[in-house]
Amino acid sequence: MSAVDGLIPLGIEESDLVMLLLSVFLLAILVIAMFMFFPLFYAILGTLVIVFGIYYGVIKLKQEESQSE
C-alpha cells in the first residue's frame, strides 16, 4: 500500500481490512433498517448514538495509546 490509499492506514493487514469492511457494511445495514422500521426521530437518535459511540471509543483508544508511550 502507498500513501495515496487515503483513509486506510499503511500498516493494516489484509484480514484487519476485511474485518473493517465487514463492520462498516453491518453498521450501514443497521442504520438503513432503523430508518425503515422506526420513526424518523428515533432513527436519527439511534444513528447519533452509534456515531458518538464510535467517536468515544476512538478517543479512549487514543488516550490509552498515548499513556502507554
PDB file of N, CA and C in Angstrom:
ATOM      1  N   MET A   1       0.831  -1.184   0.000  1.00  0.00           N
ATOM      2  CA  MET A   1       0.000   0.000   0.000  1.00  0.00           C
ATOM      3  C   MET A   1       0.874   1.246   0.000  1.00  0.00           C
ATOM      4  N   SER A   2       0.292   2.317  -0.476  1.00  0.00           N
ATOM      5  CA  SER A   2       1.029   3.574  -0.516  1.00  0.00           C
ATOM      6  C   SER A   2       0.226   4.661   0.171  1.00  0.00           C
ATOM      7  N   ALA A   3       0.788   5.828   0.227  1.00  0.00           N
ATOM      8  CA  ALA A   3       0.132   6.944   0.906  1.00  0.00           C
ATOM      9  C   ALA A   3      -1.109   7.421   0.159  1.00  0.00           C
ATOM     10  N   VAL A   4      -1.229   7.094  -1.112  1.00  0.00           N
ATOM     11  CA  VAL A   4      -2.398   7.519  -1.883  1.00  0.00           C
ATOM     12  C   VAL A   4      -3.636   6.675  -1.583  1.00  0.00           C
ATOM     13  N   ASP A   5      -3.523   5.688  -0.721  1.00  0.00           N
ATOM     14  CA  ASP A   5      -4.677   4.866  -0.391  1.00  0.00           C
ATOM     15  C   ASP A   5      -5.663   5.589   0.508  1.00  0.00           C
ATOM     16  N   GLY A   6      -5.338   6.753   0.978  1.00  0.00           N
ATOM     17  CA  GLY A   6      -6.292   7.591   1.687  1.00  0.00           C
ATOM     18  C   GLY A   6      -6.478   7.204   3.129  1.00  0.00           C
ATOM     19  N   LEU A   7      -7.707   6.818   3.490  1.00  0.00           N
ATOM     20  CA  LEU A   7      -8.061   6.570   4.880  1.00  0.00           C
ATOM     21  C   LEU A   7      -7.495   5.270   5.420  1.00  0.00           C
ATOM     22  N   ILE A   8      -7.077   4.386   4.562  1.00  0.00           N
ATOM     23  CA  ILE A   8      -6.554   3.096   5.000  1.00  0.00           C
ATOM     24  C   ILE A   8      -5.139   3.295   5.536  1.00  0.00           C
ATOM     25  N   PRO A   9      -4.900   2.956   6.796  1.00  0.00           N
ATOM     26  CA  PRO A   9      -3.543   3.108   7.339  1.00  0.00           C
ATOM     27  C   PRO A   9      -2.544   2.229   6.593  1.00  0.00           C
ATOM     28  N   LEU A  10      -1.308   2.664   6.591  1.00  0.00           N
ATOM     29  CA  LEU A  10      -0.298   1.949   5.815  1.00  0.00           C
ATOM     30  C   LEU A  10       0.045   0.590   6.415  1.00  0.00           C
ATOM     31  N   GLY A  11      -0.085   0.429   7.726  1.00  0.00           N
ATOM     32  CA  GLY A  11       0.326  -0.815   8.362  1.00  0.00           C
ATOM     33  C   GLY A  11      -0.785  -1.818   8.573  1.00  0.00           C
ATOM     34  N   ILE A  12      -1.940  -1.653   7.933  1.00  0.00           N
ATOM     35  CA  ILE A  12      -3.068  -2.546   8.167  1.00  0.00           C
ATOM     36  C   ILE A  12      -2.870  -3.851   7.395  1.00  0.00           C
ATOM     37  N   GLU A  13      -3.225  -4.957   8.047  1.00  0.00           N
ATOM     38  CA  GLU A  13      -3.112  -6.257   7.399  1.00  0.00           C
ATOM     39  C   GLU A  13      -4.394  -6.540   6.617  1.00  0.00           C
ATOM     40  N   GLU A  14      -4.323  -7.517   5.730  1.00  0.00           N
ATOM     41  CA  GLU A  14      -5.470  -7.809   4.876  1.00  0.00           C
ATOM     42  C   GLU A  14      -6.664  -8.322   5.685  1.00  0.00           C
ATOM     43  N   SER A  15      -6.424  -9.140   6.686  1.00  0.00           N
ATOM     44  CA  SER A  15      -7.532  -9.658   7.486  1.00  0.00           C
ATOM     45  C   SER A  15      -8.192  -8.552   8.306  1.00  0.00           C
ATOM     46  N   ASP A  16      -7.385  -7.592   8.787  1.00  0.00           N
ATOM     47  CA  ASP A  16      -7.951  -6.458   9.510  1.00  0.00           C
ATOM     48  C   ASP A  16      -8.797  -5.587   8.587  1.00  0.00           C
ATOM     49  N   LEU A  17      -8.360  -5.443   7.361  1.00  0.00           N
ATOM     50  CA  LEU A  17      -9.108  -4.660   6.391  1.00  0.00           C
ATOM     51  C   LEU A  17     -10.449  -5.318   6.083  1.00  0.00           C
ATOM     52  N   VAL A  18     -10.460  -6.634   5.954  1.00  0.00           N
ATOM     53  CA  VAL A  18     -11.710  -7.356   5.704  1.00  0.00           C
ATOM     54  C   VAL A  18     -12.656  -7.187   6.891  1.00  0.00           C
ATOM     55  N   MET A  19     -12.136  -7.279   8.103  1.00  0.00           N
ATOM     56  CA  MET A  19     -12.972  -7.088   9.295  1.00  0.00           C
ATOM     57  C   MET A  19     -13.510  -5.653   9.344  1.00  0.00           C
ATOM     58  N   LEU A  20     -12.715  -4.676   8.977  1.00  0.00           N
ATOM     59  CA  LEU A  20     -13.156  -3.283   8.962  1.00  0.00           C
ATOM     60  C   LEU A  20     -14.271  -3.084   7.947  1.00  0.00           C
ATOM     61  N   LEU A  21     -14.108  -3.627   6.753  1.00  0.00           N
ATOM     62  CA  LEU A  21     -15.136  -3.504   5.727  1.00  0.00           C
ATOM     63  C   LEU A  21     -16.422  -4.215   6.129  1.00  0.00           C
ATOM     64  N   LEU A  22     -16.303  -5.372   6.770  1.00  0.00           N
ATOM     65  CA  LEU A  22     -17.477  -6.109   7.228  1.00  0.00           C
ATOM     66  C   LEU A  22     -18.227  -5.328   8.306  1.00  0.00           C
ATOM     67  N   SER A  23     -17.498  -4.735   9.232  1.00  0.00           N
ATOM     68  CA  SER A  23     -18.160  -3.974  10.295  1.00  0.00           C
ATOM     69  C   SER A  23     -18.830  -2.716   9.742  1.00  0.00           C
ATOM     70  N   VAL A  24     -18.212  -2.044   8.780  1.00  0.00           N
ATOM     71  CA  VAL A  24     -18.833  -0.864   8.166  1.00  0.00           C
ATOM     72  C   VAL A  24     -20.089  -1.281   7.400  1.00  0.00           C
ATOM     73  N   PHE A  25     -20.038  -2.408   6.717  1.00  0.00           N
ATOM     74  CA  PHE A  25     -21.201  -2.906   5.991  1.00  0.00           C
ATOM     75  C   PHE A  25     -22.347  -3.228   6.944  1.00  0.00           C
ATOM     76  N   LEU A  26     -22.057  -3.891   8.062  1.00  0.00           N
ATOM     77  CA  LEU A  26     -23.102  -4.238   9.026  1.00  0.00           C
ATOM     78  C   LEU A  26     -23.693  -2.993   9.685  1.00  0.00           C
ATOM     79  N   LEU A  27     -22.851  -2.005   9.977  1.00  0.00           N
ATOM     80  CA  LEU A  27     -23.368  -0.752  10.528  1.00  0.00           C
ATOM     81  C   LEU A  27     -24.258  -0.030   9.526  1.00  0.00           C
ATOM     82  N   ALA A  28     -23.906  -0.074   8.263  1.00  0.00           N
ATOM     83  CA  ALA A  28     -24.738   0.559   7.236  1.00  0.00           C
ATOM     84  C   ALA A  28     -26.090  -0.145   7.135  1.00  0.00           C
ATOM     85  N   ILE A  29     -26.102  -1.470   7.190  1.00  0.00           N
ATOM     86  CA  ILE A  29     -27.355  -2.224   7.156  1.00  0.00           C
ATOM     87  C   ILE A  29     -28.198  -1.887   8.389  1.00  0.00           C
ATOM     88  N   LEU A  30     -27.565  -1.763   9.558  1.00  0.00           N
ATOM     89  CA  LEU A  30     -28.284  -1.420  10.781  1.00  0.00           C
ATOM     90  C   LEU A  30     -28.923  -0.037  10.681  1.00  0.00           C
ATOM     91  N   VAL A  31     -28.202   0.937  10.167  1.00  0.00           N
ATOM     92  CA  VAL A  31     -28.743   2.292  10.039  1.00  0.00           C
ATOM     93  C   VAL A  31     -29.887   2.316   9.029  1.00  0.00           C
ATOM     94  N   ILE A  32     -29.737   1.624   7.923  1.00  0.00           N
ATOM     95  CA  ILE A  32     -30.812   1.564   6.933  1.00  0.00           C
ATOM     96  C   ILE A  32     -32.050   0.910   7.526  1.00  0.00           C
ATOM     97  N   ALA A  33     -31.867  -0.167   8.284  1.00  0.00           N
ATOM     98  CA  ALA A  33     -33.003  -0.844   8.909  1.00  0.00           C
ATOM     99  C   ALA A  33     -33.688   0.048   9.938  1.00  0.00           C
ATOM    100  N   MET A  34     -32.895   0.829  10.670  1.00  0.00           N
ATOM    101  CA  MET A  34     -33.504   1.743  11.644  1.00  0.00           C
ATOM    102  C   MET A  34     -34.387   2.771  10.947  1.00  0.00           C
ATOM    103  N   PHE A  35     -33.941   3.302   9.816  1.00  0.00           N
ATOM    104  CA  PHE A  35     -34.735   4.282   9.097  1.00  0.00           C
ATOM    105  C   PHE A  35     -35.962   3.652   8.438  1.00  0.00           C
ATOM    106  N   MET A  36     -35.910   2.354   8.180  1.00  0.00           N
ATOM    107  CA  MET A  36     -37.065   1.693   7.585  1.00  0.00           C
ATOM    108  C   MET A  36     -38.136   1.365   8.621  1.00  0.00           C
ATOM    109  N   PHE A  37     -37.739   0.992   9.837  1.00  0.00           N
ATOM    110  CA  PHE A  37     -38.691   0.454  10.794  1.00  0.00           C
ATOM    111  C   PHE A  37     -39.034   1.380  11.955  1.00  0.00           C
ATOM    112  N   PHE A  38     -38.233   2.388  12.223  1.00  0.00           N
ATOM    113  CA  PHE A  38     -38.506   3.303  13.324  1.00  0.00           C
ATOM    114  C   PHE A  38     -38.965   4.647  12.785  1.00  0.00           C
ATOM    115  N   PRO A  39     -39.663   5.417  13.613  1.00  0.00           N
ATOM    116  CA  PRO A  39     -39.964   6.795  13.204  1.00  0.00           C
ATOM    117  C   PRO A  39     -38.674   7.586  13.015  1.00  0.00           C
ATOM    118  N   LEU A  40     -38.774   8.666  12.264  1.00  0.00           N
ATOM    119  CA  LEU A  40     -37.585   9.434  11.883  1.00  0.00           C
ATOM    120  C   LEU A  40     -36.789   9.912  13.096  1.00  0.00           C
ATOM    121  N   PHE A  41     -37.475  10.383  14.130  1.00  0.00           N
ATOM    122  CA  PHE A  41     -36.777  10.886  15.313  1.00  0.00           C
ATOM    123  C   PHE A  41     -35.917   9.797  15.954  1.00  0.00           C
ATOM    124  N   TYR A  42     -36.483   8.609  16.130  1.00  0.00           N
ATOM    125  CA  TYR A  42     -35.744   7.528  16.783  1.00  0.00           C
ATOM    126  C   TYR A  42     -34.634   6.979  15.884  1.00  0.00           C
ATOM    127  N   ALA A  43     -34.840   7.004  14.591  1.00  0.00           N
ATOM    128  CA  ALA A  43     -33.792   6.553  13.680  1.00  0.00           C
ATOM    129  C   ALA A  43     -32.597   7.498  13.710  1.00  0.00           C
ATOM    130  N   ILE A  44     -32.876   8.797  13.723  1.00  0.00           N
ATOM    131  CA  ILE A  44     -31.786   9.778  13.804  1.00  0.00           C
ATOM    132  C   ILE A  44     -31.092   9.683  15.155  1.00  0.00           C
ATOM    133  N   LEU A  45     -31.880   9.529  16.224  1.00  0.00           N
ATOM    134  CA  LEU A  45     -31.300   9.391  17.556  1.00  0.00           C
ATOM    135  C   LEU A  45     -30.411   8.145  17.649  1.00  0.00           C
ATOM    136  N   GLY A  46     -30.868   7.026  17.105  1.00  0.00           N
ATOM    137  CA  GLY A  46     -30.062   5.807  17.109  1.00  0.00           C
ATOM    138  C   GLY A  46     -28.791   5.946  16.296  1.00  0.00           C
ATOM    139  N   THR A  47     -28.882   6.633  15.168  1.00  0.00           N
ATOM    140  CA  THR A  47     -27.702   6.861  14.342  1.00  0.00           C
ATOM    141  C   THR A  47     -26.689   7.740  15.076  1.00  0.00           C
ATOM    142  N   LEU A  48     -27.180   8.765  15.757  1.00  0.00           N
ATOM    143  CA  LEU A  48     -26.278   9.626  16.523  1.00  0.00           C
ATOM    144  C   LEU A  48     -25.628   8.872  17.673  1.00  0.00           C
ATOM    145  N   VAL A  49     -26.361   7.968  18.305  1.00  0.00           N
ATOM    146  CA  VAL A  49     -25.785   7.159  19.381  1.00  0.00           C
ATOM    147  C   VAL A  49     -24.655   6.286  18.834  1.00  0.00           C
ATOM    148  N   ILE A  50     -24.861   5.704  17.668  1.00  0.00           N
ATOM    149  CA  ILE A  50     -23.816   4.873  17.054  1.00  0.00           C
ATOM    150  C   ILE A  50     -22.594   5.723  16.715  1.00  0.00           C
ATOM    151  N   VAL A  51     -22.804   6.881  16.102  1.00  0.00           N
ATOM    152  CA  VAL A  51     -21.687   7.741  15.689  1.00  0.00           C
ATOM    153  C   VAL A  51     -20.902   8.233  16.899  1.00  0.00           C
ATOM    154  N   PHE A  52     -21.607   8.723  17.931  1.00  0.00           N
ATOM    155  CA  PHE A  52     -20.905   9.220  19.105  1.00  0.00           C
ATOM    156  C   PHE A  52     -20.272   8.083  19.906  1.00  0.00           C
ATOM    157  N   GLY A  53     -20.843   6.894  19.848  1.00  0.00           N
ATOM    158  CA  GLY A  53     -20.211   5.735  20.491  1.00  0.00           C
ATOM    159  C   GLY A  53     -18.896   5.381  19.836  1.00  0.00           C
ATOM    160  N   ILE A  54     -18.861   5.410  18.518  1.00  0.00           N
ATOM    161  CA  ILE A  54     -17.611   5.144  17.795  1.00  0.00           C
ATOM    162  C   ILE A  54     -16.592   6.251  18.095  1.00  0.00           C
ATOM    163  N   TYR A  55     -17.061   7.503  18.109  1.00  0.00           N
ATOM    164  CA  TYR A  55     -16.181   8.641  18.409  1.00  0.00           C
ATOM    165  C   TYR A  55     -15.587   8.523  19.811  1.00  0.00           C
ATOM    166  N   TYR A  56     -16.414   8.151  20.783  1.00  0.00           N
ATOM    167  CA  TYR A  56     -15.943   7.975  22.151  1.00  0.00           C
ATOM    168  C   TYR A  56     -14.920   6.838  22.235  1.00  0.00           C
ATOM    169  N   GLY A  57     -15.162   5.758  21.524  1.00  0.00           N
ATOM    170  CA  GLY A  57     -14.217   4.644  21.512  1.00  0.00           C
ATOM    171  C   GLY A  57     -12.876   5.031  20.919  1.00  0.00           C
ATOM    172  N   VAL A  58     -12.899   5.816  19.847  1.00  0.00           N
ATOM    173  CA  VAL A  58     -11.650   6.263  19.220  1.00  0.00           C
ATOM    174  C   VAL A  58     -10.879   7.183  20.164  1.00  0.00           C
ATOM    175  N   ILE A  59     -11.588   8.079  20.858  1.00  0.00           N
ATOM    176  CA  ILE A  59     -10.924   8.984  21.799  1.00  0.00           C
ATOM    177  C   ILE A  59     -10.271   8.186  22.926  1.00  0.00           C
ATOM    178  N   LYS A  60     -10.999   7.225  23.502  1.00  0.00           N
ATOM    179  CA  LYS A  60     -10.443   6.418  24.591  1.00  0.00           C
ATOM    180  C   LYS A  60      -9.245   5.594  24.112  1.00  0.00           C
ATOM    181  N   LEU A  61      -9.329   5.058  22.900  1.00  0.00           N
ATOM    182  CA  LEU A  61      -8.225   4.267  22.355  1.00  0.00           C
ATOM    183  C   LEU A  61      -6.983   5.136  22.171  1.00  0.00           C
ATOM    184  N   LYS A  62      -7.162   6.371  21.689  1.00  0.00           N
ATOM    185  CA  LYS A  62      -6.031   7.275  21.525  1.00  0.00           C
ATOM    186  C   LYS A  62      -5.436   7.666  22.870  1.00  0.00           C
ATOM    187  N   GLN A  63      -6.291   7.859  23.887  1.00  0.00           N
ATOM    188  CA  GLN A  63      -5.780   8.196  25.223  1.00  0.00           C
ATOM    189  C   GLN A  63      -4.961   7.056  25.803  1.00  0.00           C
ATOM    190  N   GLU A  64      -5.447   5.836  25.670  1.00  0.00           N
ATOM    191  CA  GLU A  64      -4.698   4.676  26.167  1.00  0.00           C
ATOM    192  C   GLU A  64      -3.387   4.498  25.427  1.00  0.00           C
ATOM    193  N   GLU A  65      -3.412   4.770  24.115  1.00  0.00           N
ATOM    194  CA  GLU A  65      -2.192   4.631  23.321  1.00  0.00           C
ATOM    195  C   GLU A  65      -1.167   5.683  23.722  1.00  0.00           C
ATOM    196  N   SER A  66      -1.624   6.919  23.973  1.00  0.00           N
ATOM    197  CA  SER A  66      -0.681   7.962  24.351  1.00  0.00           C
ATOM    198  C   SER A  66      -0.149   7.749  25.769  1.00  0.00           C
ATOM    199  N   GLN A  67      -0.936   7.150  26.672  1.00  0.00           N
ATOM    200  CA  GLN A  67      -0.480   6.877  28.013  1.00  0.00           C
ATOM    201  C   GLN A  67       0.546   5.743  28.041  1.00  0.00           C
ATOM    202  N   SER A  68       0.409   4.795  27.141  1.00  0.00           N
ATOM    203  CA  SER A  68       1.345   3.656  27.139  1.00  0.00           C
ATOM    204  C   SER A  68       2.697   4.043  26.549  1.00  0.00           C
ATOM    205  N   GLU A  69       2.770   5.130  25.806  1.00  0.00           N
ATOM    206  CA  GLU A  69       4.038   5.554  25.198  1.00  0.00           C
ATOM    207  C   GLU A  69       4.896   6.321  26.137  1.00  0.00           C
TER     208      GLU A  69
END
